[in-house]
């Protein structure tokens, strides 16, 4: 007979890094970012689906390389 589900100890699953959201900004040759009227950095997204060729972007990243994003 097996243990009840609430007593079973499950092994934590391994976590992997993936791209969730990807945005870009523009800057001039002096490094000044393009800004919105309110002074915040203007952000851009790709104009087409980025569903391939992004593997190189996360190659070598580990979970320990990440910090939780504060809102």
PDB file of N, CA and C in Angstrom:
ATOM      1  N   UNK A   1       0.843  -1.187   0.000  1.00  0.00           N
ATOM      2  CA  UNK A   1       0.000   0.000   0.000  1.00  0.00           C
ATOM      3  C   UNK A   1       0.885   1.245   0.000  1.00  0.00           C
ATOM      4  N   UNK A   2       0.538   2.224  -0.813  1.00  0.00           N
ATOM      5  CA  UNK A   2       1.343   3.444  -0.909  1.00  0.00           C
ATOM      6  C   UNK A   2       0.874   4.478   0.106  1.00  0.00           C
ATOM      7  N   UNK A   3       1.757   5.449   0.366  1.00  0.00           N
ATOM      8  CA  UNK A   3       1.445   6.519   1.308  1.00  0.00           C
ATOM      9  C   UNK A   3       0.400   7.460   0.712  1.00  0.00           C
ATOM     10  N   UNK A   4      -0.390   8.118   1.560  1.00  0.00           N
ATOM     11  CA  UNK A   4      -1.326   9.130   1.053  1.00  0.00           C
ATOM     12  C   UNK A   4      -0.540  10.239   0.350  1.00  0.00           C
ATOM     13  N   UNK A   5      -1.162  10.873  -0.633  1.00  0.00           N
ATOM     14  CA  UNK A   5      -0.491  11.905  -1.426  1.00  0.00           C
ATOM     15  C   UNK A   5       0.114  13.007  -0.561  1.00  0.00           C
ATOM     16  N   UNK A   6      -0.573  13.442   0.498  1.00  0.00           N
ATOM     17  CA  UNK A   6      -0.053  14.536   1.314  1.00  0.00           C
ATOM     18  C   UNK A   6       1.196  14.136   2.091  1.00  0.00           C
ATOM     19  N   UNK A   7       1.487  12.848   2.225  1.00  0.00           N
ATOM     20  CA  UNK A   7       2.677  12.389   2.931  1.00  0.00           C
ATOM     21  C   UNK A   7       3.811  12.027   1.989  1.00  0.00           C
ATOM     22  N   UNK A   8       3.547  11.919   0.728  1.00  0.00           N
ATOM     23  CA  UNK A   8       4.587  11.559  -0.230  1.00  0.00           C
ATOM     24  C   UNK A   8       5.525  12.744  -0.434  1.00  0.00           C
ATOM     25  N   UNK A   9       6.818  12.491  -0.324  1.00  0.00           N
ATOM     26  CA  UNK A   9       7.827  13.524  -0.544  1.00  0.00           C
ATOM     27  C   UNK A   9       8.210  13.484  -2.015  1.00  0.00           C
ATOM     28  N   UNK A  10       7.967  14.569  -2.705  1.00  0.00           N
ATOM     29  CA  UNK A  10       8.327  14.594  -4.110  1.00  0.00           C
ATOM     30  C   UNK A  10       9.665  15.306  -4.274  1.00  0.00           C
ATOM     31  N   UNK A  11      10.457  14.836  -5.198  1.00  0.00           N
ATOM     32  CA  UNK A  11      11.747  15.440  -5.501  1.00  0.00           C
ATOM     33  C   UNK A  11      11.484  16.709  -6.311  1.00  0.00           C
ATOM     34  N   UNK A  12      12.108  17.843  -5.926  1.00  0.00           N
ATOM     35  CA  UNK A  12      11.903  19.068  -6.710  1.00  0.00           C
ATOM     36  C   UNK A  12      12.336  18.856  -8.157  1.00  0.00           C
ATOM     37  N   UNK A  13      11.561  19.377  -9.082  1.00  0.00           N
ATOM     38  CA  UNK A  13      11.886  19.246 -10.500  1.00  0.00           C
ATOM     39  C   UNK A  13      12.991  20.227 -10.863  1.00  0.00           C
ATOM     40  N   UNK A  14      13.829  19.833 -11.806  1.00  0.00           N
ATOM     41  CA  UNK A  14      14.897  20.699 -12.272  1.00  0.00           C
ATOM     42  C   UNK A  14      14.298  21.853 -13.069  1.00  0.00           C
ATOM     43  N   UNK A  15      14.854  23.044 -12.892  1.00  0.00           N
ATOM     44  CA  UNK A  15      14.369  24.229 -13.588  1.00  0.00           C
ATOM     45  C   UNK A  15      15.324  24.623 -14.700  1.00  0.00           C
ATOM     46  N   UNK A  16      14.782  25.200 -15.763  1.00  0.00           N
ATOM     47  CA  UNK A  16      15.559  25.617 -16.917  1.00  0.00           C
ATOM     48  C   UNK A  16      15.235  27.067 -17.251  1.00  0.00           C
ATOM     49  N   UNK A  17      16.167  27.771 -17.839  1.00  0.00           N
ATOM     50  CA  UNK A  17      15.982  29.165 -18.230  1.00  0.00           C
ATOM     51  C   UNK A  17      15.340  29.212 -19.614  1.00  0.00           C
ATOM     52  N   UNK A  18      14.360  30.105 -19.778  1.00  0.00           N
ATOM     53  CA  UNK A  18      13.691  30.308 -21.063  1.00  0.00           C
ATOM     54  C   UNK A  18      13.458  31.809 -21.260  1.00  0.00           C
ATOM     55  N   UNK A  19      13.224  32.225 -22.477  1.00  0.00           N
ATOM     56  CA  UNK A  19      12.897  33.618 -22.764  1.00  0.00           C
ATOM     57  C   UNK A  19      11.400  33.792 -22.572  1.00  0.00           C
ATOM     58  N   UNK A  20      11.003  34.748 -21.732  1.00  0.00           N
ATOM     59  CA  UNK A  20       9.586  35.013 -21.480  1.00  0.00           C
ATOM     60  C   UNK A  20       9.123  36.251 -22.247  1.00  0.00           C
ATOM     61  N   UNK A  21       9.896  37.303 -22.173  1.00  0.00           N
ATOM     62  CA  UNK A  21       9.550  38.554 -22.842  1.00  0.00           C
ATOM     63  C   UNK A  21      10.847  39.181 -23.318  1.00  0.00           C
ATOM     64  N   UNK A  22      10.832  39.742 -24.490  1.00  0.00           N
ATOM     65  CA  UNK A  22      12.032  40.329 -25.060  1.00  0.00           C
ATOM     66  C   UNK A  22      11.671  41.698 -25.624  1.00  0.00           C
ATOM     67  N   UNK A  23      12.288  42.737 -25.077  1.00  0.00           N
ATOM     68  CA  UNK A  23      12.038  44.080 -25.591  1.00  0.00           C
ATOM     69  C   UNK A  23      13.376  44.750 -25.883  1.00  0.00           C
ATOM     70  N   UNK A  24      13.304  45.809 -26.653  1.00  0.00           N
ATOM     71  CA  UNK A  24      14.492  46.502 -27.106  1.00  0.00           C
ATOM     72  C   UNK A  24      14.311  47.996 -26.873  1.00  0.00           C
ATOM     73  N   UNK A  25      15.430  48.716 -26.855  1.00  0.00           N
ATOM     74  CA  UNK A  25      15.372  50.166 -26.838  1.00  0.00           C
ATOM     75  C   UNK A  25      16.352  50.672 -27.884  1.00  0.00           C
ATOM     76  N   UNK A  26      16.202  51.924 -28.269  1.00  0.00           N
ATOM     77  CA  UNK A  26      17.087  52.545 -29.247  1.00  0.00           C
ATOM     78  C   UNK A  26      17.908  53.614 -28.549  1.00  0.00           C
ATOM     79  N   UNK A  27      19.143  53.800 -29.014  1.00  0.00           N
ATOM     80  CA  UNK A  27      19.955  54.899 -28.502  1.00  0.00           C
ATOM     81  C   UNK A  27      20.780  55.486 -29.641  1.00  0.00           C
ATOM     82  N   UNK A  28      21.188  56.724 -29.456  1.00  0.00           N
ATOM     83  CA  UNK A  28      21.994  57.370 -30.485  1.00  0.00           C
ATOM     84  C   UNK A  28      23.470  57.035 -30.290  1.00  0.00           C
ATOM     85  N   UNK A  29      24.327  57.623 -31.128  1.00  0.00           N
ATOM     86  CA  UNK A  29      25.756  57.297 -31.076  1.00  0.00           C
ATOM     87  C   UNK A  29      26.415  57.736 -29.770  1.00  0.00           C
ATOM     88  N   UNK A  30      25.762  58.634 -29.015  1.00  0.00           N
ATOM     89  CA  UNK A  30      26.291  59.067 -27.724  1.00  0.00           C
ATOM     90  C   UNK A  30      25.766  58.221 -26.566  1.00  0.00           C
ATOM     91  N   UNK A  31      24.910  57.252 -26.886  1.00  0.00           N
ATOM     92  CA  UNK A  31      24.356  56.384 -25.847  1.00  0.00           C
ATOM     93  C   UNK A  31      23.079  56.896 -25.213  1.00  0.00           C
ATOM     94  N   UNK A  32      22.524  57.978 -25.726  1.00  0.00           N
ATOM     95  CA  UNK A  32      21.269  58.524 -25.195  1.00  0.00           C
ATOM     96  C   UNK A  32      20.096  57.705 -25.711  1.00  0.00           C
ATOM     97  N   UNK A  33      19.299  57.183 -24.781  1.00  0.00           N
ATOM     98  CA  UNK A  33      18.153  56.356 -25.162  1.00  0.00           C
ATOM     99  C   UNK A  33      17.012  57.216 -25.698  1.00  0.00           C
ATOM    100  N   UNK A  34      16.284  56.680 -26.671  1.00  0.00           N
ATOM    101  CA  UNK A  34      15.069  57.329 -27.167  1.00  0.00           C
ATOM    102  C   UNK A  34      14.032  57.238 -26.044  1.00  0.00           C
ATOM    103  N   UNK A  35      13.410  58.370 -25.747  1.00  0.00           N
ATOM    104  CA  UNK A  35      12.488  58.421 -24.613  1.00  0.00           C
ATOM    105  C   UNK A  35      11.065  58.762 -25.026  1.00  0.00           C
ATOM    106  N   UNK A  36      10.140  58.355 -24.170  1.00  0.00           N
ATOM    107  CA  UNK A  36       8.737  58.747 -24.303  1.00  0.00           C
ATOM    108  C   UNK A  36       8.602  60.190 -23.828  1.00  0.00           C
ATOM    109  N   UNK A  37       7.443  60.805 -24.053  1.00  0.00           N
ATOM    110  CA  UNK A  37       7.202  62.185 -23.621  1.00  0.00           C
ATOM    111  C   UNK A  37       7.366  62.355 -22.117  1.00  0.00           C
ATOM    112  N   UNK A  38       7.093  61.277 -21.341  1.00  0.00           N
ATOM    113  CA  UNK A  38       7.202  61.373 -19.884  1.00  0.00           C
ATOM    114  C   UNK A  38       8.622  61.108 -19.366  1.00  0.00           C
ATOM    115  N   UNK A  39       9.578  60.914 -20.276  1.00  0.00           N
ATOM    116  CA  UNK A  39      10.969  60.731 -19.880  1.00  0.00           C
ATOM    117  C   UNK A  39      11.399  59.294 -19.648  1.00  0.00           C
ATOM    118  N   UNK A  40      10.481  58.349 -19.758  1.00  0.00           N
ATOM    119  CA  UNK A  40      10.839  56.945 -19.617  1.00  0.00           C
ATOM    120  C   UNK A  40      11.415  56.425 -20.928  1.00  0.00           C
ATOM    121  N   UNK A  41      12.169  55.366 -20.840  1.00  0.00           N
ATOM    122  CA  UNK A  41      12.773  54.785 -22.033  1.00  0.00           C
ATOM    123  C   UNK A  41      11.702  54.156 -22.910  1.00  0.00           C
ATOM    124  N   UNK A  42      11.712  54.493 -24.186  1.00  0.00           N
ATOM    125  CA  UNK A  42      10.765  53.919 -25.144  1.00  0.00           C
ATOM    126  C   UNK A  42      11.198  52.493 -25.445  1.00  0.00           C
ATOM    127  N   UNK A  43      10.279  51.552 -25.295  1.00  0.00           N
ATOM    128  CA  UNK A  43      10.575  50.141 -25.521  1.00  0.00           C
ATOM    129  C   UNK A  43       9.938  49.652 -26.815  1.00  0.00           C
ATOM    130  N   UNK A  44      10.620  48.721 -27.465  1.00  0.00           N
ATOM    131  CA  UNK A  44      10.158  48.160 -28.730  1.00  0.00           C
ATOM    132  C   UNK A  44      10.162  46.643 -28.639  1.00  0.00           C
ATOM    133  N   UNK A  45       9.268  46.026 -29.402  1.00  0.00           N
ATOM    134  CA  UNK A  45       9.209  44.569 -29.526  1.00  0.00           C
ATOM    135  C   UNK A  45       9.401  44.213 -30.993  1.00  0.00           C
ATOM    136  N   UNK A  46       9.768  42.975 -31.245  1.00  0.00           N
ATOM    137  CA  UNK A  46       9.914  42.522 -32.628  1.00  0.00           C
ATOM    138  C   UNK A  46       8.591  42.631 -33.370  1.00  0.00           C
ATOM    139  N   UNK A  47       8.647  42.950 -34.640  1.00  0.00           N
ATOM    140  CA  UNK A  47       7.450  43.099 -35.458  1.00  0.00           C
ATOM    141  C   UNK A  47       6.998  41.766 -36.043  1.00  0.00           C
ATOM    142  N   UNK A  48       7.671  40.703 -35.676  1.00  0.00           N
ATOM    143  CA  UNK A  48       7.339  39.361 -36.171  1.00  0.00           C
ATOM    144  C   UNK A  48       7.567  38.365 -35.042  1.00  0.00           C
ATOM    145  N   UNK A  49       6.975  37.176 -35.117  1.00  0.00           N
ATOM    146  CA  UNK A  49       7.146  36.179 -34.053  1.00  0.00           C
ATOM    147  C   UNK A  49       8.611  35.734 -33.939  1.00  0.00           C
ATOM    148  N   UNK A  50       9.123  35.768 -32.738  1.00  0.00           N
ATOM    149  CA  UNK A  50      10.513  35.351 -32.498  1.00  0.00           C
ATOM    150  C   UNK A  50      10.509  33.933 -31.922  1.00  0.00           C
ATOM    151  N   UNK A  51      10.059  32.995 -32.723  1.00  0.00           N
ATOM    152  CA  UNK A  51       9.921  31.633 -32.220  1.00  0.00           C
ATOM    153  C   UNK A  51      11.098  30.743 -32.585  1.00  0.00           C
ATOM    154  N   UNK A  52      12.132  31.292 -33.187  1.00  0.00           N
ATOM    155  CA  UNK A  52      13.297  30.479 -33.496  1.00  0.00           C
ATOM    156  C   UNK A  52      14.556  31.335 -33.419  1.00  0.00           C
ATOM    157  N   UNK A  53      15.678  30.700 -33.368  1.00  0.00           N
ATOM    158  CA  UNK A  53      16.989  31.354 -33.335  1.00  0.00           C
ATOM    159  C   UNK A  53      17.252  32.150 -32.066  1.00  0.00           C
ATOM    160  N   UNK A  54      16.548  31.894 -30.973  1.00  0.00           N
ATOM    161  CA  UNK A  54      16.836  32.572 -29.718  1.00  0.00           C
ATOM    162  C   UNK A  54      17.596  31.676 -28.738  1.00  0.00           C
ATOM    163  N   UNK A  55      17.843  30.446 -29.122  1.00  0.00           N
ATOM    164  CA  UNK A  55      18.547  29.530 -28.238  1.00  0.00           C
ATOM    165  C   UNK A  55      19.912  30.036 -27.828  1.00  0.00           C
ATOM    166  N   UNK A  56      20.621  30.672 -28.759  1.00  0.00           N
ATOM    167  CA  UNK A  56      21.947  31.202 -28.443  1.00  0.00           C
ATOM    168  C   UNK A  56      21.884  32.245 -27.341  1.00  0.00           C
ATOM    169  N   UNK A  57      20.768  32.931 -27.216  1.00  0.00           N
ATOM    170  CA  UNK A  57      20.612  34.011 -26.258  1.00  0.00           C
ATOM    171  C   UNK A  57      20.692  33.511 -24.819  1.00  0.00           C
ATOM    172  N   UNK A  58      20.222  32.286 -24.584  1.00  0.00           N
ATOM    173  CA  UNK A  58      20.209  31.758 -23.221  1.00  0.00           C
ATOM    174  C   UNK A  58      21.211  30.629 -23.003  1.00  0.00           C
ATOM    175  N   UNK A  59      21.958  30.260 -24.037  1.00  0.00           N
ATOM    176  CA  UNK A  59      22.965  29.211 -23.866  1.00  0.00           C
ATOM    177  C   UNK A  59      23.924  29.593 -22.748  1.00  0.00           C
ATOM    178  N   UNK A  60      24.117  28.691 -21.841  1.00  0.00           N
ATOM    179  CA  UNK A  60      25.060  28.927 -20.754  1.00  0.00           C
ATOM    180  C   UNK A  60      24.465  29.610 -19.542  1.00  0.00           C
ATOM    181  N   UNK A  61      23.242  30.134 -19.640  1.00  0.00           N
ATOM    182  CA  UNK A  61      22.616  30.745 -18.467  1.00  0.00           C
ATOM    183  C   UNK A  61      22.106  29.669 -17.528  1.00  0.00           C
ATOM    184  N   UNK A  62      22.284  29.898 -16.244  1.00  0.00           N
ATOM    185  CA  UNK A  62      21.788  29.002 -15.209  1.00  0.00           C
ATOM    186  C   UNK A  62      20.773  29.765 -14.366  1.00  0.00           C
ATOM    187  N   UNK A  63      19.950  29.035 -13.641  1.00  0.00           N
ATOM    188  CA  UNK A  63      18.957  29.661 -12.768  1.00  0.00           C
ATOM    189  C   UNK A  63      19.653  30.611 -11.791  1.00  0.00           C
ATOM    190  N   UNK A  64      20.842  30.262 -11.334  1.00  0.00           N
ATOM    191  CA  UNK A  64      21.572  31.099 -10.382  1.00  0.00           C
ATOM    192  C   UNK A  64      22.058  32.411 -10.997  1.00  0.00           C
ATOM    193  N   UNK A  65      22.008  32.565 -12.323  1.00  0.00           N
ATOM    194  CA  UNK A  65      22.388  33.810 -12.988  1.00  0.00           C
ATOM    195  C   UNK A  65      21.259  34.843 -12.965  1.00  0.00           C
ATOM    196  N   UNK A  66      20.079  34.449 -12.551  1.00  0.00           N
ATOM    197  CA  UNK A  66      18.899  35.300 -12.627  1.00  0.00           C
ATOM    198  C   UNK A  66      18.560  35.933 -11.275  1.00  0.00           C
ATOM    199  N   UNK A  67      17.961  37.110 -11.328  1.00  0.00           N
ATOM    200  CA  UNK A  67      17.388  37.762 -10.153  1.00  0.00           C
ATOM    201  C   UNK A  67      15.917  38.011 -10.457  1.00  0.00           C
ATOM    202  N   UNK A  68      15.074  37.850  -9.438  1.00  0.00           N
ATOM    203  CA  UNK A  68      13.648  38.094  -9.621  1.00  0.00           C
ATOM    204  C   UNK A  68      13.414  39.558  -9.953  1.00  0.00           C
ATOM    205  N   UNK A  69      12.575  39.803 -10.938  1.00  0.00           N
ATOM    206  CA  UNK A  69      12.259  41.160 -11.382  1.00  0.00           C
ATOM    207  C   UNK A  69      11.299  41.800 -10.398  1.00  0.00           C
ATOM    208  N   UNK A  70      11.643  42.983  -9.913  1.00  0.00           N
ATOM    209  CA  UNK A  70      10.736  43.692  -9.007  1.00  0.00           C
ATOM    210  C   UNK A  70       9.807  44.577  -9.822  1.00  0.00           C
ATOM    211  N   UNK A  71       8.585  44.645  -9.422  1.00  0.00           N
ATOM    212  CA  UNK A  71       7.572  45.414 -10.168  1.00  0.00           C
ATOM    213  C   UNK A  71       7.596  46.851  -9.761  1.00  0.00           C
TER     214      UNK A  71
END
